[in-house]
Amino acid sequence: MAKKQKVKTPALYKLLGPALAVPTGIVVKKVADQAWIAVRGTPPPKNPDVPGVSWGDAIAWAAVSGVLVAVGRLVAAQGAAKAYTALTGKFPANANADSAA
């Protein structure tokens, strides 16, 4: 049986990930904070130990921010793959195994 060769993820693709993930993360944080304030009228409960923060609010914030961070990560990874493809003319090898973002 032939041994499988490891395919390395291109360094350019690995660099594009963080380059897109950092600004995406900043935007996601600002959008999440503003959306929470618009809906609830108070700042998001980022520390559940603060007096007056209910379990319901803390869990809701964890769910909302978690979903938004995951979507932001997907957007950044897709952007990195598209940028790499535009620069090199081919899809990055091993992109499914190593996330760029």
N, C-alpha and C. Protein backbone atom coordinates (compact mmCIF):
# COMPACT_ATOMS: atom_id res chain seq x y z
N MET A 1 0.84 -1.16 0.00
CA MET A 1 0.00 0.00 0.00
C MET A 1 0.89 1.24 0.00
N ALA A 2 0.58 2.19 -0.86
CA ALA A 2 1.37 3.41 -0.99
C ALA A 2 1.14 4.33 0.20
N LYS A 3 2.21 4.94 0.62
CA LYS A 3 2.12 5.88 1.74
C LYS A 3 1.59 7.22 1.23
N LYS A 4 0.65 7.78 1.98
CA LYS A 4 0.09 9.09 1.61
C LYS A 4 1.11 10.18 1.83
N GLN A 5 1.26 11.05 0.82
CA GLN A 5 2.16 12.18 0.98
C GLN A 5 1.43 13.32 1.66
N LYS A 6 2.12 13.97 2.58
CA LYS A 6 1.54 15.13 3.24
C LYS A 6 1.59 16.32 2.29
N VAL A 7 0.50 17.05 2.25
CA VAL A 7 0.43 18.26 1.43
C VAL A 7 0.50 19.44 2.39
N LYS A 8 1.49 20.30 2.18
CA LYS A 8 1.66 21.46 3.06
C LYS A 8 0.73 22.58 2.63
N THR A 9 0.19 23.25 3.61
CA THR A 9 -0.62 24.43 3.34
C THR A 9 0.33 25.58 2.97
N PRO A 10 0.04 26.28 1.87
CA PRO A 10 0.93 27.37 1.45
C PRO A 10 1.07 28.46 2.51
N ALA A 11 2.30 28.96 2.67
CA ALA A 11 2.59 30.00 3.66
C ALA A 11 1.79 31.27 3.38
N LEU A 12 1.63 31.63 2.11
CA LEU A 12 0.86 32.83 1.77
C LEU A 12 -0.56 32.72 2.27
N TYR A 13 -1.15 31.54 2.13
CA TYR A 13 -2.51 31.32 2.61
C TYR A 13 -2.57 31.45 4.13
N LYS A 14 -1.55 30.94 4.82
CA LYS A 14 -1.51 31.05 6.27
C LYS A 14 -1.33 32.49 6.73
N LEU A 15 -0.68 33.31 5.92
CA LEU A 15 -0.50 34.72 6.27
C LEU A 15 -1.76 35.54 5.97
N LEU A 16 -2.46 35.16 4.91
CA LEU A 16 -3.68 35.89 4.55
C LEU A 16 -4.77 35.71 5.60
N GLY A 17 -4.82 34.55 6.23
CA GLY A 17 -5.84 34.27 7.24
C GLY A 17 -5.86 35.30 8.36
N PRO A 18 -4.76 35.44 9.10
CA PRO A 18 -4.74 36.43 10.17
C PRO A 18 -4.90 37.87 9.66
N ALA A 19 -4.37 38.12 8.46
CA ALA A 19 -4.51 39.47 7.90
C ALA A 19 -5.97 39.84 7.69
N LEU A 20 -6.80 38.86 7.41
CA LEU A 20 -8.24 39.10 7.25
C LEU A 20 -9.01 38.85 8.54
N ALA A 21 -8.52 37.95 9.38
CA ALA A 21 -9.24 37.60 10.61
C ALA A 21 -9.23 38.74 11.63
N VAL A 22 -8.12 39.45 11.73
CA VAL A 22 -8.03 40.53 12.74
C VAL A 22 -9.05 41.64 12.47
N PRO A 23 -9.08 42.21 11.25
CA PRO A 23 -10.10 43.25 11.03
C PRO A 23 -11.53 42.70 11.09
N THR A 24 -11.70 41.45 10.65
CA THR A 24 -13.04 40.85 10.73
C THR A 24 -13.46 40.72 12.19
N GLY A 25 -12.54 40.31 13.05
CA GLY A 25 -12.84 40.18 14.48
C GLY A 25 -13.21 41.51 15.12
N ILE A 26 -12.51 42.56 14.72
CA ILE A 26 -12.82 43.89 15.25
C ILE A 26 -14.22 44.32 14.83
N VAL A 27 -14.55 44.11 13.57
CA VAL A 27 -15.89 44.47 13.06
C VAL A 27 -16.96 43.65 13.76
N VAL A 28 -16.73 42.34 13.90
CA VAL A 28 -17.72 41.47 14.55
C VAL A 28 -17.96 41.91 15.99
N LYS A 29 -16.90 42.25 16.71
CA LYS A 29 -17.06 42.70 18.10
C LYS A 29 -17.90 43.97 18.17
N LYS A 30 -17.60 44.92 17.29
CA LYS A 30 -18.36 46.17 17.31
C LYS A 30 -19.81 45.95 16.92
N VAL A 31 -20.05 45.12 15.92
CA VAL A 31 -21.42 44.82 15.50
C VAL A 31 -22.18 44.12 16.61
N ALA A 32 -21.54 43.15 17.25
CA ALA A 32 -22.20 42.41 18.34
C ALA A 32 -22.56 43.35 19.49
N ASP A 33 -21.61 44.19 19.88
CA ASP A 33 -21.86 45.12 20.98
C ASP A 33 -23.01 46.08 20.64
N GLN A 34 -22.97 46.65 19.44
CA GLN A 34 -24.01 47.61 19.03
C GLN A 34 -25.38 46.93 18.89
N ALA A 35 -25.39 45.71 18.37
CA ALA A 35 -26.66 44.99 18.24
C ALA A 35 -27.26 44.71 19.62
N TRP A 36 -26.42 44.30 20.57
CA TRP A 36 -26.91 44.03 21.92
C TRP A 36 -27.48 45.30 22.55
N ILE A 37 -26.76 46.40 22.40
CA ILE A 37 -27.22 47.68 22.96
C ILE A 37 -28.53 48.11 22.31
N ALA A 38 -28.64 47.93 20.99
CA ALA A 38 -29.86 48.31 20.28
C ALA A 38 -31.06 47.50 20.74
N VAL A 39 -30.84 46.22 20.98
CA VAL A 39 -31.96 45.34 21.38
C VAL A 39 -32.26 45.44 22.86
N ARG A 40 -31.23 45.43 23.69
CA ARG A 40 -31.43 45.36 25.14
C ARG A 40 -31.36 46.72 25.84
N GLY A 41 -30.68 47.69 25.22
CA GLY A 41 -30.57 49.01 25.84
C GLY A 41 -29.48 49.12 26.89
N THR A 42 -28.72 48.06 27.08
CA THR A 42 -27.62 48.06 28.04
C THR A 42 -26.38 47.46 27.37
N PRO A 43 -25.20 47.75 27.93
CA PRO A 43 -24.00 47.11 27.38
C PRO A 43 -24.07 45.58 27.57
N PRO A 44 -23.41 44.83 26.70
CA PRO A 44 -23.45 43.37 26.83
C PRO A 44 -22.80 42.91 28.13
N PRO A 45 -23.31 41.82 28.70
CA PRO A 45 -22.78 41.30 29.96
C PRO A 45 -21.52 40.47 29.73
N LYS A 46 -20.39 41.12 29.55
CA LYS A 46 -19.16 40.40 29.21
C LYS A 46 -18.54 39.67 30.39
N ASN A 47 -18.88 40.10 31.61
CA ASN A 47 -18.39 39.44 32.81
C ASN A 47 -19.59 39.03 33.65
N PRO A 48 -19.90 37.73 33.70
CA PRO A 48 -21.09 37.28 34.44
C PRO A 48 -20.98 37.46 35.95
N ASP A 49 -19.79 37.78 36.46
CA ASP A 49 -19.61 37.97 37.90
C ASP A 49 -20.05 39.35 38.37
N VAL A 50 -20.29 40.26 37.42
CA VAL A 50 -20.70 41.62 37.79
C VAL A 50 -22.10 41.55 38.40
N PRO A 51 -22.29 42.22 39.53
CA PRO A 51 -23.62 42.20 40.15
C PRO A 51 -24.68 42.74 39.19
N GLY A 52 -25.82 42.09 39.17
CA GLY A 52 -26.92 42.51 38.32
C GLY A 52 -26.99 41.80 36.98
N VAL A 53 -25.97 41.02 36.64
CA VAL A 53 -25.99 40.26 35.38
C VAL A 53 -26.69 38.94 35.65
N SER A 54 -27.77 38.71 34.93
CA SER A 54 -28.52 37.46 35.13
C SER A 54 -27.90 36.34 34.29
N TRP A 55 -28.21 35.11 34.71
CA TRP A 55 -27.75 33.95 33.95
C TRP A 55 -28.30 33.99 32.54
N GLY A 56 -29.55 34.39 32.42
CA GLY A 56 -30.17 34.45 31.09
C GLY A 56 -29.44 35.39 30.16
N ASP A 57 -29.10 36.59 30.67
CA ASP A 57 -28.36 37.55 29.86
C ASP A 57 -26.97 37.02 29.51
N ALA A 58 -26.30 36.43 30.49
CA ALA A 58 -24.95 35.91 30.25
C ALA A 58 -24.97 34.80 29.20
N ILE A 59 -25.94 33.91 29.28
CA ILE A 59 -26.04 32.81 28.32
C ILE A 59 -26.43 33.35 26.94
N ALA A 60 -27.34 34.30 26.90
CA ALA A 60 -27.74 34.89 25.62
C ALA A 60 -26.55 35.58 24.97
N TRP A 61 -25.77 36.33 25.74
CA TRP A 61 -24.59 37.01 25.18
C TRP A 61 -23.57 35.99 24.68
N ALA A 62 -23.36 34.92 25.44
CA ALA A 62 -22.41 33.89 25.02
C ALA A 62 -22.86 33.26 23.69
N ALA A 63 -24.15 33.00 23.57
CA ALA A 63 -24.68 32.40 22.34
C ALA A 63 -24.55 33.36 21.16
N VAL A 64 -24.99 34.59 21.34
CA VAL A 64 -24.96 35.59 20.26
C VAL A 64 -23.52 35.86 19.83
N SER A 65 -22.64 36.13 20.79
CA SER A 65 -21.26 36.45 20.43
C SER A 65 -20.55 35.23 19.84
N GLY A 66 -20.85 34.04 20.33
CA GLY A 66 -20.24 32.83 19.78
C GLY A 66 -20.63 32.59 18.33
N VAL A 67 -21.89 32.77 18.02
CA VAL A 67 -22.35 32.60 16.64
C VAL A 67 -21.70 33.65 15.74
N LEU A 68 -21.69 34.89 16.18
CA LEU A 68 -21.10 35.95 15.36
C LEU A 68 -19.60 35.75 15.15
N VAL A 69 -18.89 35.29 16.16
CA VAL A 69 -17.46 35.02 16.01
C VAL A 69 -17.25 33.87 15.03
N ALA A 70 -18.06 32.82 15.11
CA ALA A 70 -17.93 31.70 14.18
C ALA A 70 -18.21 32.14 12.75
N VAL A 71 -19.23 32.95 12.55
CA VAL A 71 -19.53 33.45 11.20
C VAL A 71 -18.39 34.35 10.71
N GLY A 72 -17.87 35.19 11.58
CA GLY A 72 -16.74 36.03 11.21
C GLY A 72 -15.52 35.22 10.81
N ARG A 73 -15.28 34.14 11.51
CA ARG A 73 -14.15 33.27 11.18
C ARG A 73 -14.35 32.62 9.81
N LEU A 74 -15.58 32.19 9.54
CA LEU A 74 -15.87 31.62 8.22
C LEU A 74 -15.67 32.65 7.11
N VAL A 75 -16.12 33.86 7.34
CA VAL A 75 -15.97 34.93 6.35
C VAL A 75 -14.48 35.20 6.10
N ALA A 76 -13.70 35.26 7.17
CA ALA A 76 -12.26 35.52 7.03
C ALA A 76 -11.57 34.37 6.29
N ALA A 77 -11.92 33.13 6.61
CA ALA A 77 -11.30 31.98 5.94
C ALA A 77 -11.66 31.97 4.46
N GLN A 78 -12.92 32.26 4.14
CA GLN A 78 -13.33 32.30 2.74
C GLN A 78 -12.63 33.44 2.02
N GLY A 79 -12.50 34.57 2.67
CA GLY A 79 -11.80 35.70 2.07
C GLY A 79 -10.34 35.38 1.80
N ALA A 80 -9.70 34.67 2.74
CA ALA A 80 -8.30 34.28 2.56
C ALA A 80 -8.16 33.33 1.37
N ALA A 81 -9.08 32.38 1.26
CA ALA A 81 -9.03 31.43 0.13
C ALA A 81 -9.26 32.15 -1.19
N LYS A 82 -10.20 33.07 -1.21
CA LYS A 82 -10.47 33.82 -2.45
C LYS A 82 -9.30 34.73 -2.81
N ALA A 83 -8.70 35.38 -1.83
CA ALA A 83 -7.55 36.24 -2.09
C ALA A 83 -6.37 35.41 -2.60
N TYR A 84 -6.14 34.26 -1.97
CA TYR A 84 -5.05 33.38 -2.41
C TYR A 84 -5.29 32.92 -3.85
N THR A 85 -6.52 32.53 -4.15
CA THR A 85 -6.87 32.09 -5.50
C THR A 85 -6.69 33.22 -6.50
N ALA A 86 -7.08 34.43 -6.13
CA ALA A 86 -6.91 35.58 -7.03
C ALA A 86 -5.44 35.89 -7.27
N LEU A 87 -4.60 35.72 -6.24
CA LEU A 87 -3.18 36.02 -6.38
C LEU A 87 -2.40 34.94 -7.13
N THR A 88 -2.78 33.68 -6.91
CA THR A 88 -1.99 32.58 -7.47
C THR A 88 -2.66 31.87 -8.64
N GLY A 89 -3.97 32.03 -8.77
CA GLY A 89 -4.70 31.34 -9.83
C GLY A 89 -5.12 29.93 -9.48
N LYS A 90 -4.85 29.49 -8.26
CA LYS A 90 -5.28 28.16 -7.84
C LYS A 90 -5.75 28.19 -6.39
N PHE A 91 -6.61 27.26 -6.04
CA PHE A 91 -7.12 27.15 -4.68
C PHE A 91 -6.01 26.64 -3.77
N PRO A 92 -5.91 27.14 -2.54
CA PRO A 92 -4.82 26.71 -1.65
C PRO A 92 -4.91 25.23 -1.31
N ALA A 93 -3.78 24.54 -1.45
CA ALA A 93 -3.72 23.13 -1.10
C ALA A 93 -3.95 22.97 0.40
N ASN A 94 -4.67 21.95 0.75
CA ASN A 94 -4.89 21.60 2.16
C ASN A 94 -5.71 22.65 2.91
N ALA A 95 -6.49 23.44 2.20
CA ALA A 95 -7.26 24.51 2.84
C ALA A 95 -8.30 23.97 3.82
N ASN A 96 -8.82 22.79 3.58
CA ASN A 96 -9.80 22.22 4.51
C ASN A 96 -9.16 21.71 5.80
N ALA A 97 -7.91 21.29 5.73
CA ALA A 97 -7.25 20.76 6.92
C ALA A 97 -6.73 21.86 7.83
N ASP A 98 -6.21 22.92 7.25
CA ASP A 98 -5.66 24.03 8.03
C ASP A 98 -6.47 25.27 7.76
N SER A 99 -7.17 25.74 8.75
CA SER A 99 -7.94 26.96 8.59
C SER A 99 -6.99 28.15 8.54
N ALA A 100 -7.25 29.05 7.64
CA ALA A 100 -6.40 30.24 7.53
C ALA A 100 -6.73 31.25 8.59
N ALA A 101 -7.96 31.25 9.08
CA ALA A 101 -8.37 32.27 10.04
C ALA A 101 -8.44 31.71 11.43
